Amino acid sequence: MKGMIILADGFEDVEAFAVIDILNRGGINIDKVIVNNVMMVESKYKIQLMGDQIIEKIDINEYDFLVLPGGPAVKTHLIDDELVLDIVKYFSNNNKLIAAICAAPSILEKLGLLGKYTAFCKTTKEGENYLKNENVVFDKNIITAKSMYYSIEFGLKILEVLTSKEKVLEVFNSIRSL
């Protein structure tokens, strides 16, 4: 099993790093796919991260799931990038898992893919499907989460959907103080 997390300059630090860490601890491979034409990307708070792949060079058929962190990158780089939108559509059309947190569900909203969801409410329309009292929502093949504060819960939900509750418990116990 292999996934990708799409990163562009301005991604929300914890939303990306927590998910990458949790999935790695759970034995799930996730490539850091960079939107820039260079292998380095910079987070919202200026942490530089080396990518694994450049988006134009990926073979999308190698990937089983997609993660979209939030942050300013969503509005400045991702939401209007045709290749990013095509990748999201591919995952949706093939019923593969898509996980989006904070501002990133607005990409799914733009494409008309959201069912029941949660998000950082300033980035999406608050319609009847918006579950503002939920931290993380799993509906069909899409996981959404509210904000950076819920990054670990978000990462654990992705791990659960990809593996099992037992694997989540194992990872959870490894990261909390007993």
Foldseek 3Di string as FASTA:
>chain_A
DEAEEEDAAFFAVLLPVLLCVLCVLLVYHYWYEYADPAQWYAYNVGDIDGTDYHLVPDDLVVHQEYEYTDGPCCVPPQLPDPSNLVSVVVCVVVQGAYEYEALRCLSVVVVVNDAQEEHQPVNDPDDPSYDPVDQWDDDRRYIYGYHSVCSNVSSLVVSCVVDHPVSSVVSVVVPDDD
